[in-house]
Amino acid sequence: MFQAVGSRRYSTKQLKLHAAEVAWWQQASTQLSAGLDEYDDAIKNSIGLRMQARLTVDQAEKIASCQAIRRGISLNF
C-alpha cells in the first residue's frame, strides 16, 4: 500500500525497488571499484587527452615526432 516518508507518500513497491537499487549500488561499489580504478589507470593516458590540462612527457614526445614528419602540401590544393 502506501507509506509516508517525510511529507511524501510512497507505495510499498516503490520503496522495495529503491531498497533493491541501493543494495545493488552498494554491492557494485565494493566489488567493482578496484577493477574500475585499474581500468581508469590503464586508459588515462590515451582516452580523453584533449581534456587534460597538460600532456605527459611521453605523450608530448610521441605527438612531436608525428608532427615533425614532412608533408607535401601541394596535395591539398
N, C-alpha and C. Protein backbone atom coordinates (compact mmCIF):
# COMPACT_ATOMS: atom_id res chain seq x y z
N MET A 1 0.82 -1.15 0.00
CA MET A 1 0.00 0.00 0.00
C MET A 1 0.89 1.25 0.00
N PHE A 2 0.63 2.22 0.87
CA PHE A 2 1.42 3.44 0.89
C PHE A 2 2.08 3.64 2.25
N GLN A 3 3.21 4.31 2.20
CA GLN A 3 3.95 4.57 3.43
C GLN A 3 4.47 6.00 3.34
N ALA A 4 4.36 6.72 4.45
CA ALA A 4 4.81 8.10 4.48
C ALA A 4 6.30 8.15 4.82
N VAL A 5 7.04 8.94 4.01
CA VAL A 5 8.44 9.21 4.28
C VAL A 5 8.56 10.73 4.25
N GLY A 6 8.73 11.31 5.42
CA GLY A 6 8.70 12.77 5.50
C GLY A 6 7.31 13.25 5.15
N SER A 7 7.23 14.19 4.22
CA SER A 7 5.93 14.73 3.83
C SER A 7 5.38 14.04 2.57
N ARG A 8 6.09 13.03 2.08
CA ARG A 8 5.65 12.34 0.86
C ARG A 8 5.17 10.93 1.16
N ARG A 9 4.33 10.44 0.27
CA ARG A 9 3.83 9.07 0.41
C ARG A 9 4.34 8.24 -0.75
N TYR A 10 4.84 7.06 -0.44
CA TYR A 10 5.37 6.16 -1.47
C TYR A 10 4.68 4.81 -1.34
N SER A 11 4.54 4.14 -2.49
CA SER A 11 3.96 2.81 -2.45
C SER A 11 5.02 1.82 -1.95
N THR A 12 4.55 0.70 -1.43
CA THR A 12 5.45 -0.33 -0.95
C THR A 12 6.34 -0.83 -2.09
N LYS A 13 5.78 -0.90 -3.28
CA LYS A 13 6.54 -1.34 -4.45
C LYS A 13 7.70 -0.37 -4.73
N GLN A 14 7.43 0.93 -4.63
CA GLN A 14 8.48 1.93 -4.87
C GLN A 14 9.58 1.82 -3.82
N LEU A 15 9.20 1.64 -2.58
CA LEU A 15 10.19 1.54 -1.51
C LEU A 15 11.04 0.28 -1.65
N LYS A 16 10.43 -0.83 -2.05
CA LYS A 16 11.19 -2.07 -2.26
C LYS A 16 12.16 -1.91 -3.43
N LEU A 17 11.71 -1.27 -4.50
CA LEU A 17 12.57 -1.04 -5.65
C LEU A 17 13.75 -0.14 -5.27
N HIS A 18 13.46 0.89 -4.50
CA HIS A 18 14.53 1.79 -4.05
C HIS A 18 15.54 1.04 -3.18
N ALA A 19 15.06 0.23 -2.26
CA ALA A 19 15.95 -0.54 -1.39
C ALA A 19 16.81 -1.50 -2.21
N ALA A 20 16.22 -2.12 -3.23
CA ALA A 20 16.97 -3.04 -4.10
C ALA A 20 18.04 -2.28 -4.88
N GLU A 21 17.71 -1.10 -5.36
CA GLU A 21 18.68 -0.28 -6.10
C GLU A 21 19.84 0.15 -5.19
N VAL A 22 19.53 0.57 -3.99
CA VAL A 22 20.56 0.98 -3.04
C VAL A 22 21.48 -0.20 -2.73
N ALA A 23 20.89 -1.36 -2.50
CA ALA A 23 21.70 -2.55 -2.21
C ALA A 23 22.59 -2.90 -3.40
N TRP A 24 22.05 -2.80 -4.62
CA TRP A 24 22.84 -3.11 -5.81
C TRP A 24 24.02 -2.15 -5.93
N TRP A 25 23.78 -0.85 -5.75
CA TRP A 25 24.85 0.14 -5.85
C TRP A 25 25.91 -0.07 -4.78
N GLN A 26 25.51 -0.41 -3.58
CA GLN A 26 26.48 -0.65 -2.52
C GLN A 26 27.34 -1.87 -2.84
N GLN A 27 26.72 -2.92 -3.32
CA GLN A 27 27.45 -4.13 -3.69
C GLN A 27 28.38 -3.85 -4.87
N ALA A 28 27.89 -3.14 -5.86
CA ALA A 28 28.70 -2.83 -7.04
C ALA A 28 29.89 -1.95 -6.67
N SER A 29 29.69 -1.00 -5.78
CA SER A 29 30.80 -0.11 -5.43
C SER A 29 31.92 -0.86 -4.71
N THR A 30 31.58 -1.85 -3.91
CA THR A 30 32.63 -2.61 -3.22
C THR A 30 33.28 -3.64 -4.14
N GLN A 31 32.51 -4.25 -5.03
CA GLN A 31 33.05 -5.31 -5.88
C GLN A 31 33.73 -4.78 -7.14
N LEU A 32 33.28 -3.66 -7.65
CA LEU A 32 33.79 -3.18 -8.93
C LEU A 32 34.81 -2.05 -8.83
N SER A 33 34.92 -1.42 -7.69
CA SER A 33 35.76 -0.23 -7.60
C SER A 33 37.23 -0.52 -7.90
N ALA A 34 37.76 -1.63 -7.44
CA ALA A 34 39.17 -1.95 -7.70
C ALA A 34 39.40 -2.16 -9.19
N GLY A 35 38.53 -2.90 -9.84
CA GLY A 35 38.66 -3.14 -11.28
C GLY A 35 38.49 -1.87 -12.09
N LEU A 36 37.57 -1.02 -11.70
CA LEU A 36 37.36 0.24 -12.41
C LEU A 36 38.54 1.19 -12.21
N ASP A 37 39.12 1.20 -11.03
CA ASP A 37 40.30 2.03 -10.79
C ASP A 37 41.47 1.55 -11.66
N GLU A 38 41.64 0.24 -11.76
CA GLU A 38 42.69 -0.33 -12.60
C GLU A 38 42.47 0.02 -14.07
N TYR A 39 41.23 -0.08 -14.52
CA TYR A 39 40.89 0.28 -15.90
C TYR A 39 41.14 1.76 -16.15
N ASP A 40 40.75 2.61 -15.21
CA ASP A 40 40.97 4.04 -15.34
C ASP A 40 42.46 4.36 -15.44
N ASP A 41 43.28 3.69 -14.65
CA ASP A 41 44.73 3.91 -14.72
C ASP A 41 45.28 3.46 -16.07
N ALA A 42 44.72 2.38 -16.62
CA ALA A 42 45.21 1.86 -17.89
C ALA A 42 44.89 2.78 -19.07
N ILE A 43 43.77 3.49 -19.02
CA ILE A 43 43.36 4.32 -20.16
C ILE A 43 43.58 5.80 -19.96
N LYS A 44 44.07 6.21 -18.79
CA LYS A 44 44.13 7.65 -18.51
C LYS A 44 45.07 8.41 -19.44
N ASN A 45 46.02 7.75 -20.06
CA ASN A 45 46.95 8.43 -20.95
C ASN A 45 46.58 8.31 -22.42
N SER A 46 45.42 7.73 -22.71
CA SER A 46 45.04 7.61 -24.11
C SER A 46 43.64 8.14 -24.40
N ILE A 47 42.71 7.93 -23.52
CA ILE A 47 41.34 8.39 -23.74
C ILE A 47 41.16 9.71 -23.01
N GLY A 48 40.64 10.71 -23.68
CA GLY A 48 40.38 11.99 -23.06
C GLY A 48 41.59 12.90 -23.03
N LEU A 49 42.51 12.72 -23.98
CA LEU A 49 43.71 13.56 -24.00
C LEU A 49 43.37 15.04 -24.12
N ARG A 50 42.36 15.36 -24.87
CA ARG A 50 42.02 16.76 -25.08
C ARG A 50 41.49 17.42 -23.82
N MET A 51 41.04 16.64 -22.88
CA MET A 51 40.52 17.20 -21.64
C MET A 51 41.62 17.40 -20.60
N GLN A 52 42.81 16.86 -20.86
CA GLN A 52 43.90 17.02 -19.90
C GLN A 52 44.44 18.44 -19.94
N ALA A 53 44.83 18.94 -18.78
CA ALA A 53 45.43 20.28 -18.71
C ALA A 53 46.80 20.29 -19.38
N ARG A 54 47.56 19.22 -19.22
CA ARG A 54 48.90 19.11 -19.81
C ARG A 54 49.11 17.68 -20.27
N LEU A 55 49.94 17.53 -21.29
CA LEU A 55 50.33 16.20 -21.75
C LEU A 55 51.49 15.71 -20.89
N THR A 56 51.58 14.39 -20.76
CA THR A 56 52.76 13.84 -20.11
C THR A 56 53.94 13.98 -21.05
N VAL A 57 55.15 13.82 -20.55
CA VAL A 57 56.36 13.94 -21.39
C VAL A 57 56.32 12.90 -22.50
N ASP A 58 55.94 11.67 -22.17
CA ASP A 58 55.86 10.61 -23.17
C ASP A 58 54.87 10.96 -24.28
N GLN A 59 53.70 11.47 -23.91
CA GLN A 59 52.69 11.86 -24.90
C GLN A 59 53.19 12.99 -25.77
N ALA A 60 53.83 13.99 -25.18
CA ALA A 60 54.33 15.13 -25.94
C ALA A 60 55.40 14.69 -26.93
N GLU A 61 56.28 13.78 -26.54
CA GLU A 61 57.32 13.30 -27.45
C GLU A 61 56.72 12.54 -28.63
N LYS A 62 55.72 11.72 -28.36
CA LYS A 62 55.08 10.97 -29.45
C LYS A 62 54.37 11.90 -30.42
N ILE A 63 53.67 12.90 -29.91
CA ILE A 63 52.97 13.84 -30.77
C ILE A 63 53.95 14.68 -31.56
N ALA A 64 55.01 15.13 -30.91
CA ALA A 64 56.01 15.95 -31.59
C ALA A 64 56.67 15.17 -32.72
N SER A 65 56.94 13.89 -32.51
CA SER A 65 57.57 13.10 -33.57
C SER A 65 56.61 12.89 -34.73
N CYS A 66 55.33 12.76 -34.46
CA CYS A 66 54.35 12.60 -35.54
C CYS A 66 54.21 13.90 -36.33
N GLN A 67 54.22 15.02 -35.66
CA GLN A 67 54.05 16.31 -36.32
C GLN A 67 55.30 16.76 -37.05
N ALA A 68 56.46 16.15 -36.75
CA ALA A 68 57.72 16.55 -37.36
C ALA A 68 57.92 15.93 -38.74
N ILE A 69 57.03 15.05 -39.15
CA ILE A 69 57.16 14.40 -40.45
C ILE A 69 56.81 15.41 -41.54
N ARG A 70 57.70 15.51 -42.54
CA ARG A 70 57.48 16.46 -43.63
C ARG A 70 56.35 15.98 -44.52
N ARG A 71 55.51 16.90 -44.88
CA ARG A 71 54.36 16.55 -45.73
C ARG A 71 54.33 17.51 -46.91
N GLY A 72 53.92 16.97 -48.02
CA GLY A 72 53.73 17.82 -49.20
C GLY A 72 52.35 18.45 -49.13
N ILE A 73 52.30 19.77 -49.14
CA ILE A 73 51.00 20.44 -49.05
C ILE A 73 50.36 20.64 -50.41
N SER A 74 51.07 20.32 -51.47
CA SER A 74 50.51 20.52 -52.79
C SER A 74 49.29 19.64 -53.05
N LEU A 75 49.19 18.54 -52.33
CA LEU A 75 48.04 17.66 -52.50
C LEU A 75 46.76 18.28 -51.94
N ASN A 76 46.88 19.32 -51.15
CA ASN A 76 45.71 19.95 -50.55
C ASN A 76 45.11 21.04 -51.44
N PHE A 77 45.72 21.33 -52.59
CA PHE A 77 45.22 22.39 -53.47
C PHE A 77 44.62 21.84 -54.72
